[in-house]
Amino acid sequence: MCAGWTNNASESFNHILKQRVQWHVCHMELIGQCRQLTNAQAMEADRELIGHGDLVLHKDHARFRTIAEHWRSMSDRQRQRLQDDCFKL
């Protein structure tokens, strides 16, 4: 189990999935929906790294914050390394 994850985290994720299908019973492609949600979470995390998101990096991770101009100049590999360093469990 991931550090810091509780039953509430999985219940929250379940609630988000239900909202995406507007609480209707339907035949949904679960893997695709989960992929879209995790991609959205990753994009939100990227926004936090440059200080443009709705959330705030924890003080223990604040050293990873960068400015948008620097983020845009980084290669994909550099961005991935920054993300890995900041968000590793």
PDB file of N, CA and C in Angstrom:
ATOM      1  N   MET A   1       0.847  -1.187   0.000  1.00  0.00           N
ATOM      2  CA  MET A   1       0.000   0.000   0.000  1.00  0.00           C
ATOM      3  C   MET A   1       0.886   1.242   0.000  1.00  0.00           C
ATOM      4  N   CYS A   2       0.478   2.263  -0.701  1.00  0.00           N
ATOM      5  CA  CYS A   2       1.246   3.499  -0.779  1.00  0.00           C
ATOM      6  C   CYS A   2       1.210   4.227   0.560  1.00  0.00           C
ATOM      7  N   ALA A   3       2.321   4.811   0.922  1.00  0.00           N
ATOM      8  CA  ALA A   3       2.400   5.570   2.164  1.00  0.00           C
ATOM      9  C   ALA A   3       1.415   6.730   2.130  1.00  0.00           C
ATOM     10  N   GLY A   4       0.688   6.896   3.205  1.00  0.00           N
ATOM     11  CA  GLY A   4      -0.238   8.019   3.291  1.00  0.00           C
ATOM     12  C   GLY A   4      -1.605   7.771   2.676  1.00  0.00           C
ATOM     13  N   TRP A   5      -1.805   6.651   2.006  1.00  0.00           N
ATOM     14  CA  TRP A   5      -3.107   6.350   1.420  1.00  0.00           C
ATOM     15  C   TRP A   5      -3.950   5.625   2.446  1.00  0.00           C
ATOM     16  N   THR A   6      -5.182   6.017   2.535  1.00  0.00           N
ATOM     17  CA  THR A   6      -6.123   5.377   3.452  1.00  0.00           C
ATOM     18  C   THR A   6      -7.343   4.936   2.661  1.00  0.00           C
ATOM     19  N   ASN A   7      -8.259   4.323   3.337  1.00  0.00           N
ATOM     20  CA  ASN A   7      -9.514   3.932   2.704  1.00  0.00           C
ATOM     21  C   ASN A   7     -10.232   5.158   2.156  1.00  0.00           C
ATOM     22  N   ASN A   8     -10.080   6.295   2.826  1.00  0.00           N
ATOM     23  CA  ASN A   8     -10.729   7.521   2.351  1.00  0.00           C
ATOM     24  C   ASN A   8     -10.219   7.931   0.979  1.00  0.00           C
ATOM     25  N   ALA A   9      -8.949   7.678   0.704  1.00  0.00           N
ATOM     26  CA  ALA A   9      -8.395   8.038  -0.601  1.00  0.00           C
ATOM     27  C   ALA A   9      -9.067   7.225  -1.701  1.00  0.00           C
ATOM     28  N   SER A  10      -9.246   5.922  -1.476  1.00  0.00           N
ATOM     29  CA  SER A  10      -9.888   5.107  -2.503  1.00  0.00           C
ATOM     30  C   SER A  10     -11.369   5.465  -2.641  1.00  0.00           C
ATOM     31  N   GLU A  11     -12.018   5.798  -1.535  1.00  0.00           N
ATOM     32  CA  GLU A  11     -13.417   6.223  -1.599  1.00  0.00           C
ATOM     33  C   GLU A  11     -13.541   7.535  -2.358  1.00  0.00           C
ATOM     34  N   SER A  12     -12.596   8.421  -2.160  1.00  0.00           N
ATOM     35  CA  SER A  12     -12.599   9.692  -2.884  1.00  0.00           C
ATOM     36  C   SER A  12     -12.437   9.453  -4.383  1.00  0.00           C
ATOM     37  N   PHE A  13     -11.513   8.573  -4.747  1.00  0.00           N
ATOM     38  CA  PHE A  13     -11.289   8.250  -6.157  1.00  0.00           C
ATOM     39  C   PHE A  13     -12.543   7.621  -6.764  1.00  0.00           C
ATOM     40  N   ASN A  14     -13.213   6.748  -6.009  1.00  0.00           N
ATOM     41  CA  ASN A  14     -14.457   6.133  -6.464  1.00  0.00           C
ATOM     42  C   ASN A  14     -15.523   7.199  -6.706  1.00  0.00           C
ATOM     43  N   HIS A  15     -15.604   8.171  -5.813  1.00  0.00           N
ATOM     44  CA  HIS A  15     -16.573   9.258  -5.967  1.00  0.00           C
ATOM     45  C   HIS A  15     -16.286  10.066  -7.239  1.00  0.00           C
ATOM     46  N   ILE A  16     -15.015  10.329  -7.509  1.00  0.00           N
ATOM     47  CA  ILE A  16     -14.640  11.076  -8.716  1.00  0.00           C
ATOM     48  C   ILE A  16     -15.017  10.294  -9.965  1.00  0.00           C
ATOM     49  N   LEU A  17     -14.786   8.981  -9.958  1.00  0.00           N
ATOM     50  CA  LEU A  17     -15.182   8.152 -11.106  1.00  0.00           C
ATOM     51  C   LEU A  17     -16.691   8.234 -11.331  1.00  0.00           C
ATOM     52  N   LYS A  18     -17.459   8.159 -10.251  1.00  0.00           N
ATOM     53  CA  LYS A  18     -18.919   8.234 -10.380  1.00  0.00           C
ATOM     54  C   LYS A  18     -19.348   9.598 -10.926  1.00  0.00           C
ATOM     55  N   GLN A  19     -18.676  10.647 -10.512  1.00  0.00           N
ATOM     56  CA  GLN A  19     -19.013  11.970 -11.042  1.00  0.00           C
ATOM     57  C   GLN A  19     -18.743  12.051 -12.537  1.00  0.00           C
ATOM     58  N   ARG A  20     -17.674  11.411 -12.992  1.00  0.00           N
ATOM     59  CA  ARG A  20     -17.326  11.459 -14.418  1.00  0.00           C
ATOM     60  C   ARG A  20     -18.405  10.818 -15.282  1.00  0.00           C
ATOM     61  N   VAL A  21     -19.117   9.842 -14.749  1.00  0.00           N
ATOM     62  CA  VAL A  21     -20.189   9.201 -15.518  1.00  0.00           C
ATOM     63  C   VAL A  21     -21.552   9.697 -15.055  1.00  0.00           C
ATOM     64  N   GLN A  22     -21.555  10.808 -14.297  1.00  0.00           N
ATOM     65  CA  GLN A  22     -22.770  11.462 -13.817  1.00  0.00           C
ATOM     66  C   GLN A  22     -23.684  10.501 -13.065  1.00  0.00           C
ATOM     67  N   TRP A  23     -23.088   9.631 -12.279  1.00  0.00           N
ATOM     68  CA  TRP A  23     -23.774   8.712 -11.385  1.00  0.00           C
ATOM     69  C   TRP A  23     -24.724   7.747 -12.102  1.00  0.00           C
ATOM     70  N   HIS A  24     -24.572   7.617 -13.414  1.00  0.00           N
ATOM     71  CA  HIS A  24     -25.401   6.676 -14.159  1.00  0.00           C
ATOM     72  C   HIS A  24     -24.689   5.337 -14.269  1.00  0.00           C
ATOM     73  N   VAL A  25     -25.469   4.282 -14.204  1.00  0.00           N
ATOM     74  CA  VAL A  25     -24.906   2.969 -14.464  1.00  0.00           C
ATOM     75  C   VAL A  25     -24.657   2.899 -15.959  1.00  0.00           C
ATOM     76  N   CYS A  26     -23.458   2.615 -16.319  1.00  0.00           N
ATOM     77  CA  CYS A  26     -23.137   2.557 -17.726  1.00  0.00           C
ATOM     78  C   CYS A  26     -21.971   1.611 -17.932  1.00  0.00           C
ATOM     79  N   HIS A  27     -21.797   1.251 -19.159  1.00  0.00           N
ATOM     80  CA  HIS A  27     -20.655   0.420 -19.515  1.00  0.00           C
ATOM     81  C   HIS A  27     -19.502   1.371 -19.808  1.00  0.00           C
ATOM     82  N   MET A  28     -18.651   1.523 -18.826  1.00  0.00           N
ATOM     83  CA  MET A  28     -17.544   2.435 -19.049  1.00  0.00           C
ATOM     84  C   MET A  28     -16.242   1.658 -19.128  1.00  0.00           C
ATOM     85  N   GLU A  29     -15.355   2.213 -19.835  1.00  0.00           N
ATOM     86  CA  GLU A  29     -14.036   1.628 -19.979  1.00  0.00           C
ATOM     87  C   GLU A  29     -13.208   2.125 -18.805  1.00  0.00           C
ATOM     88  N   LEU A  30     -13.152   1.307 -17.747  1.00  0.00           N
ATOM     89  CA  LEU A  30     -12.565   1.728 -16.481  1.00  0.00           C
ATOM     90  C   LEU A  30     -11.112   2.140 -16.614  1.00  0.00           C
ATOM     91  N   ILE A  31     -10.337   1.402 -17.346  1.00  0.00           N
ATOM     92  CA  ILE A  31      -8.916   1.731 -17.480  1.00  0.00           C
ATOM     93  C   ILE A  31      -8.743   3.099 -18.135  1.00  0.00           C
ATOM     94  N   GLY A  32      -9.521   3.380 -19.153  1.00  0.00           N
ATOM     95  CA  GLY A  32      -9.444   4.679 -19.824  1.00  0.00           C
ATOM     96  C   GLY A  32      -9.829   5.814 -18.894  1.00  0.00           C
ATOM     97  N   GLN A  33     -10.890   5.627 -18.111  1.00  0.00           N
ATOM     98  CA  GLN A  33     -11.310   6.651 -17.156  1.00  0.00           C
ATOM     99  C   GLN A  33     -10.231   6.875 -16.100  1.00  0.00           C
ATOM    100  N   CYS A  34      -9.651   5.797 -15.589  1.00  0.00           N
ATOM    101  CA  CYS A  34      -8.586   5.922 -14.587  1.00  0.00           C
ATOM    102  C   CYS A  34      -7.367   6.618 -15.188  1.00  0.00           C
ATOM    103  N   ARG A  35      -7.036   6.299 -16.412  1.00  0.00           N
ATOM    104  CA  ARG A  35      -5.895   6.936 -17.084  1.00  0.00           C
ATOM    105  C   ARG A  35      -6.135   8.442 -17.222  1.00  0.00           C
ATOM    106  N   GLN A  36      -7.337   8.826 -17.630  1.00  0.00           N
ATOM    107  CA  GLN A  36      -7.648  10.248 -17.766  1.00  0.00           C
ATOM    108  C   GLN A  36      -7.545  10.966 -16.426  1.00  0.00           C
ATOM    109  N   LEU A  37      -8.025  10.318 -15.362  1.00  0.00           N
ATOM    110  CA  LEU A  37      -7.954  10.936 -14.039  1.00  0.00           C
ATOM    111  C   LEU A  37      -6.515  11.070 -13.556  1.00  0.00           C
ATOM    112  N   THR A  38      -5.716  10.041 -13.748  1.00  0.00           N
ATOM    113  CA  THR A  38      -4.332  10.124 -13.287  1.00  0.00           C
ATOM    114  C   THR A  38      -3.544  11.129 -14.128  1.00  0.00           C
ATOM    115  N   ASN A  39      -3.853  11.227 -15.421  1.00  0.00           N
ATOM    116  CA  ASN A  39      -3.211  12.253 -16.249  1.00  0.00           C
ATOM    117  C   ASN A  39      -3.582  13.650 -15.766  1.00  0.00           C
ATOM    118  N   ALA A  40      -4.845  13.841 -15.398  1.00  0.00           N
ATOM    119  CA  ALA A  40      -5.282  15.134 -14.877  1.00  0.00           C
ATOM    120  C   ALA A  40      -4.578  15.449 -13.558  1.00  0.00           C
ATOM    121  N   GLN A  41      -4.411  14.435 -12.711  1.00  0.00           N
ATOM    122  CA  GLN A  41      -3.702  14.640 -11.452  1.00  0.00           C
ATOM    123  C   GLN A  41      -2.245  15.003 -11.713  1.00  0.00           C
ATOM    124  N   ALA A  42      -1.624  14.371 -12.677  1.00  0.00           N
ATOM    125  CA  ALA A  42      -0.229  14.663 -13.007  1.00  0.00           C
ATOM    126  C   ALA A  42      -0.095  16.085 -13.532  1.00  0.00           C
ATOM    127  N   MET A  43      -1.043  16.527 -14.361  1.00  0.00           N
ATOM    128  CA  MET A  43      -1.008  17.898 -14.872  1.00  0.00           C
ATOM    129  C   MET A  43      -1.186  18.897 -13.727  1.00  0.00           C
ATOM    130  N   GLU A  44      -2.066  18.580 -12.779  1.00  0.00           N
ATOM    131  CA  GLU A  44      -2.259  19.456 -11.618  1.00  0.00           C
ATOM    132  C   GLU A  44      -0.972  19.511 -10.787  1.00  0.00           C
ATOM    133  N   ALA A  45      -0.308  18.381 -10.630  1.00  0.00           N
ATOM    134  CA  ALA A  45       0.961  18.350  -9.894  1.00  0.00           C
ATOM    135  C   ALA A  45       2.004  19.209 -10.601  1.00  0.00           C
ATOM    136  N   ASP A  46       2.041  19.157 -11.923  1.00  0.00           N
ATOM    137  CA  ASP A  46       2.977  19.995 -12.687  1.00  0.00           C
ATOM    138  C   ASP A  46       2.687  21.476 -12.450  1.00  0.00           C
ATOM    139  N   ARG A  47       1.407  21.836 -12.403  1.00  0.00           N
ATOM    140  CA  ARG A  47       1.041  23.234 -12.142  1.00  0.00           C
ATOM    141  C   ARG A  47       1.508  23.653 -10.746  1.00  0.00           C
ATOM    142  N   GLU A  48       1.476  22.725  -9.795  1.00  0.00           N
ATOM    143  CA  GLU A  48       1.935  23.036  -8.441  1.00  0.00           C
ATOM    144  C   GLU A  48       3.435  23.310  -8.426  1.00  0.00           C
ATOM    145  N   LEU A  49       4.173  22.603  -9.270  1.00  0.00           N
ATOM    146  CA  LEU A  49       5.627  22.799  -9.313  1.00  0.00           C
ATOM    147  C   LEU A  49       5.996  24.216  -9.754  1.00  0.00           C
ATOM    148  N   ILE A  50       5.130  24.842 -10.550  1.00  0.00           N
ATOM    149  CA  ILE A  50       5.420  26.209 -11.004  1.00  0.00           C
ATOM    150  C   ILE A  50       4.532  27.240 -10.292  1.00  0.00           C
ATOM    151  N   GLY A  51       3.792  26.784  -9.280  1.00  0.00           N
ATOM    152  CA  GLY A  51       2.990  27.694  -8.469  1.00  0.00           C
ATOM    153  C   GLY A  51       1.725  28.202  -9.125  1.00  0.00           C
ATOM    154  N   HIS A  52       1.195  27.481 -10.120  1.00  0.00           N
ATOM    155  CA  HIS A  52      -0.010  27.928 -10.818  1.00  0.00           C
ATOM    156  C   HIS A  52      -1.247  27.093 -10.537  1.00  0.00           C
ATOM    157  N   GLY A  53      -1.157  26.158  -9.636  1.00  0.00           N
ATOM    158  CA  GLY A  53      -2.299  25.287  -9.377  1.00  0.00           C
ATOM    159  C   GLY A  53      -3.164  25.785  -8.239  1.00  0.00           C
ATOM    160  N   ASP A  54      -4.209  25.045  -7.957  1.00  0.00           N
ATOM    161  CA  ASP A  54      -5.117  25.387  -6.864  1.00  0.00           C
ATOM    162  C   ASP A  54      -4.582  24.899  -5.519  1.00  0.00           C
ATOM    163  N   LEU A  55      -3.597  24.035  -5.552  1.00  0.00           N
ATOM    164  CA  LEU A  55      -3.034  23.473  -4.336  1.00  0.00           C
ATOM    165  C   LEU A  55      -1.664  24.083  -4.075  1.00  0.00           C
ATOM    166  N   VAL A  56      -1.064  23.704  -2.966  1.00  0.00           N
ATOM    167  CA  VAL A  56       0.245  24.226  -2.593  1.00  0.00           C
ATOM    168  C   VAL A  56       1.135  23.044  -2.241  1.00  0.00           C
ATOM    169  N   LEU A  57       2.379  23.097  -2.709  1.00  0.00           N
ATOM    170  CA  LEU A  57       3.322  22.061  -2.341  1.00  0.00           C
ATOM    171  C   LEU A  57       3.564  22.095  -0.827  1.00  0.00           C
ATOM    172  N   HIS A  58       3.674  20.921  -0.239  1.00  0.00           N
ATOM    173  CA  HIS A  58       3.998  20.814   1.183  1.00  0.00           C
ATOM    174  C   HIS A  58       5.363  21.453   1.420  1.00  0.00           C
ATOM    175  N   LYS A  59       5.574  21.998   2.592  1.00  0.00           N
ATOM    176  CA  LYS A  59       6.833  22.696   2.884  1.00  0.00           C
ATOM    177  C   LYS A  59       8.046  21.800   2.667  1.00  0.00           C
ATOM    178  N   ASP A  60       7.903  20.494   2.856  1.00  0.00           N
ATOM    179  CA  ASP A  60       9.013  19.568   2.630  1.00  0.00           C
ATOM    180  C   ASP A  60       9.374  19.447   1.153  1.00  0.00           C
ATOM    181  N   HIS A  61       8.464  19.860   0.275  1.00  0.00           N
ATOM    182  CA  HIS A  61       8.683  19.753  -1.169  1.00  0.00           C
ATOM    183  C   HIS A  61       8.861  21.111  -1.856  1.00  0.00           C
ATOM    184  N   ALA A  62       8.812  22.172  -1.084  1.00  0.00           N
ATOM    185  CA  ALA A  62       8.876  23.522  -1.651  1.00  0.00           C
ATOM    186  C   ALA A  62      10.177  23.764  -2.418  1.00  0.00           C
ATOM    187  N   ARG A  63      11.239  23.055  -2.058  1.00  0.00           N
ATOM    188  CA  ARG A  63      12.525  23.268  -2.747  1.00  0.00           C
ATOM    189  C   ARG A  63      12.476  22.840  -4.217  1.00  0.00           C
ATOM    190  N   PHE A  64      11.450  22.089  -4.597  1.00  0.00           N
ATOM    191  CA  PHE A  64      11.319  21.632  -5.977  1.00  0.00           C
ATOM    192  C   PHE A  64      10.574  22.633  -6.856  1.00  0.00           C
ATOM    193  N   ARG A  65       9.974  23.655  -6.254  1.00  0.00           N
ATOM    194  CA  ARG A  65       9.215  24.637  -7.018  1.00  0.00           C
ATOM    195  C   ARG A  65      10.146  25.366  -7.981  1.00  0.00           C
ATOM    196  N   THR A  66       9.639  25.652  -9.148  1.00  0.00           N
ATOM    197  CA  THR A  66      10.398  26.387 -10.157  1.00  0.00           C
ATOM    198  C   THR A  66       9.476  27.420 -10.784  1.00  0.00           C
ATOM    199  N   ILE A  67       9.994  28.248 -11.622  1.00  0.00           N
ATOM    200  CA  ILE A  67       9.154  29.253 -12.285  1.00  0.00           C
ATOM    201  C   ILE A  67       8.734  28.728 -13.660  1.00  0.00           C
ATOM    202  N   ALA A  68       7.632  29.241 -14.155  1.00  0.00           N
ATOM    203  CA  ALA A  68       7.073  28.762 -15.420  1.00  0.00           C
ATOM    204  C   ALA A  68       8.071  28.901 -16.568  1.00  0.00           C
ATOM    205  N   GLU A  69       8.800  29.986 -16.592  1.00  0.00           N
ATOM    206  CA  GLU A  69       9.770  30.213 -17.667  1.00  0.00           C
ATOM    207  C   GLU A  69      10.838  29.105 -17.683  1.00  0.00           C
ATOM    208  N   HIS A  70      11.311  28.743 -16.515  1.00  0.00           N
ATOM    209  CA  HIS A  70      12.311  27.674 -16.421  1.00  0.00           C
ATOM    210  C   HIS A  70      11.689  26.335 -16.820  1.00  0.00           C
ATOM    211  N   TRP A  71      10.455  26.070 -16.384  1.00  0.00           N
ATOM    212  CA  TRP A  71       9.752  24.823 -16.702  1.00  0.00           C
ATOM    213  C   TRP A  71       9.626  24.664 -18.219  1.00  0.00           C
ATOM    214  N   ARG A  72       9.250  25.742 -18.904  1.00  0.00           N
ATOM    215  CA  ARG A  72       9.083  25.675 -20.362  1.00  0.00           C
ATOM    216  C   ARG A  72      10.411  25.420 -21.074  1.00  0.00           C
ATOM    217  N   SER A  73      11.510  25.862 -20.478  1.00  0.00           N
ATOM    218  CA  SER A  73      12.813  25.671 -21.119  1.00  0.00           C
ATOM    219  C   SER A  73      13.412  24.299 -20.846  1.00  0.00           C
ATOM    220  N   MET A  74      12.805  23.552 -19.940  1.00  0.00           N
ATOM    221  CA  MET A  74      13.343  22.238 -19.574  1.00  0.00           C
ATOM    222  C   MET A  74      12.978  21.191 -20.631  1.00  0.00           C
ATOM    223  N   SER A  75      13.844  20.213 -20.789  1.00  0.00           N
ATOM    224  CA  SER A  75      13.534  19.084 -21.671  1.00  0.00           C
ATOM    225  C   SER A  75      12.562  18.153 -20.948  1.00  0.00           C
ATOM    226  N   ASP A  76      11.945  17.252 -21.697  1.00  0.00           N
ATOM    227  CA  ASP A  76      11.036  16.275 -21.079  1.00  0.00           C
ATOM    228  C   ASP A  76      11.762  15.460 -20.017  1.00  0.00           C
ATOM    229  N   ARG A  77      12.985  15.122 -20.289  1.00  0.00           N
ATOM    230  CA  ARG A  77      13.771  14.326 -19.341  1.00  0.00           C
ATOM    231  C   ARG A  77      14.035  15.109 -18.048  1.00  0.00           C
ATOM    232  N   GLN A  78      14.360  16.387 -18.185  1.00  0.00           N
ATOM    233  CA  GLN A  78      14.588  17.223 -17.009  1.00  0.00           C
ATOM    234  C   GLN A  78      13.310  17.386 -16.187  1.00  0.00           C
ATOM    235  N   ARG A  79      12.202  17.583 -16.876  1.00  0.00           N
ATOM    236  CA  ARG A  79      10.920  17.691 -16.165  1.00  0.00           C
ATOM    237  C   ARG A  79      10.607  16.405 -15.418  1.00  0.00           C
ATOM    238  N   GLN A  80      10.814  15.273 -16.090  1.00  0.00           N
ATOM    239  CA  GLN A  80      10.529  13.983 -15.469  1.00  0.00           C
ATOM    240  C   GLN A  80      11.398  13.775 -14.225  1.00  0.00           C
ATOM    241  N   ARG A  81      12.653  14.163 -14.297  1.00  0.00           N
ATOM    242  CA  ARG A  81      13.537  14.010 -13.147  1.00  0.00           C
ATOM    243  C   ARG A  81      13.062  14.875 -11.973  1.00  0.00           C
ATOM    244  N   LEU A  82      12.644  16.110 -12.269  1.00  0.00           N
ATOM    245  CA  LEU A  82      12.123  16.987 -11.224  1.00  0.00           C
ATOM    246  C   LEU A  82      10.857  16.395 -10.602  1.00  0.00           C
ATOM    247  N   GLN A  83       9.955  15.900 -11.443  1.00  0.00           N
ATOM    248  CA  GLN A  83       8.738  15.273 -10.948  1.00  0.00           C
ATOM    249  C   GLN A  83       9.050  14.061 -10.087  1.00  0.00           C
ATOM    250  N   ASP A  84       9.950  13.221 -10.566  1.00  0.00           N
ATOM    251  CA  ASP A  84      10.320  12.015  -9.817  1.00  0.00           C
ATOM    252  C   ASP A  84      10.916  12.379  -8.456  1.00  0.00           C
ATOM    253  N   ASP A  85      11.792  13.367  -8.437  1.00  0.00           N
ATOM    254  CA  ASP A  85      12.422  13.778  -7.184  1.00  0.00           C
ATOM    255  C   ASP A  85      11.393  14.342  -6.208  1.00  0.00           C
ATOM    256  N   CYS A  86      10.455  15.122  -6.714  1.00  0.00           N
ATOM    257  CA  CYS A  86       9.476  15.763  -5.864  1.00  0.00           C
ATOM    258  C   CYS A  86       8.411  14.794  -5.367  1.00  0.00           C
ATOM    259  N   PHE A  87       7.917  13.941  -6.230  1.00  0.00           N
ATOM    260  CA  PHE A  87       6.726  13.155  -5.896  1.00  0.00           C
ATOM    261  C   PHE A  87       6.998  11.694  -5.557  1.00  0.00           C
ATOM    262  N   LYS A  88       8.252  11.311  -5.443  1.00  0.00           N
ATOM    263  CA  LYS A  88       8.506   9.906  -5.090  1.00  0.00           C
ATOM    264  C   LYS A  88       8.003   9.639  -3.669  1.00  0.00           C
ATOM    265  N   LEU A  89       7.534   8.420  -3.462  1.00  0.00           N
ATOM    266  CA  LEU A  89       7.011   8.042  -2.148  1.00  0.00           C
ATOM    267  C   LEU A  89       8.145   7.568  -1.253  1.00  0.00           C
TER     268      LEU A  89
END
